[in-house]
Amino acid sequence: MSCKDEVLKLSGIQSNQTNYQILSEVFNLNSCNHILSLLPKIPKETEPQVGRHKDYANQWMSNNITKYRLNLPKDHDANEYISYKLQNILKDLKLKIEYMYITFYREGNICKVHDDPVHTTGIILLSDNFEGGEFYIEPNIVNIRIGDLLLFKNKNNLHGVKKIQSGCRYALSIWLSKR
C-alpha cells in the first residue's frame, strides 16, 4: 500500500469538509524542537512586510493576516531539514513545495481568515504549550496535534487560527503545487 493510500485509509476526514486530510505524527517531538531551534529569536515587535517574501529571509515580520511570520527560503537550514523529511510523503502525494514559513502566536494573537494563492496548503503544528489557537477551515475547527500534517486544497477553503488565550503557538505553513 502506498503512503497516499495508507493516509486516506487511516486519517479519513474529520468534518463535513471533503478536501482535507491529516497525516498523523509526520514529525516527532524531537523534529519539531529541532526546527524551532533553527529559528531566530522572536522580537517584541515586527516590521510590516512590504514587497516580496524573499526580501525578509530569516527576519520575523508581520502582514495583514498574522503578527509574526518567518519566511523560510530554500537555503535556510529549517527549509532544507523540512524538505528532506517530507520528500517521500510529498512524492507519494504528487505534491511539491513552492514556499514555506513559520508562524508564531502569543497571547491575544490570531490569524485572520484567508485563503492561500496555491493549489494545496500544508500545516504542521510545531508546539502545543498554548490554550486557544484552534485552527479552522470555515466553519469547522480542525483538531491537529503537534507533528501532524494537515493538507487541504485552497479552493473554497477559507481558514485561520482563533485567538491564543495563553502560551505560545508555532506552526509551519507549506504552500504546495501539483507535480
Foldseek 3Di string as FASTA:
>chain_A
DAPVVVQCVPFPDDDPDDFKTKDAQLDDLVLLVVLVVLADDDDPAAAADDDDLVVQARGWHDYPFWGTKHWHPCPRPSNVSVCVSCVRVCVSVQKDFDTKMKGKAFAFIKGDWDFDPAQKKKKAWSDDFFPFFFKDFPPDTDDGDHNMIMMGTRVNTTIMTTGIHHDMTMMMMTGMYGD
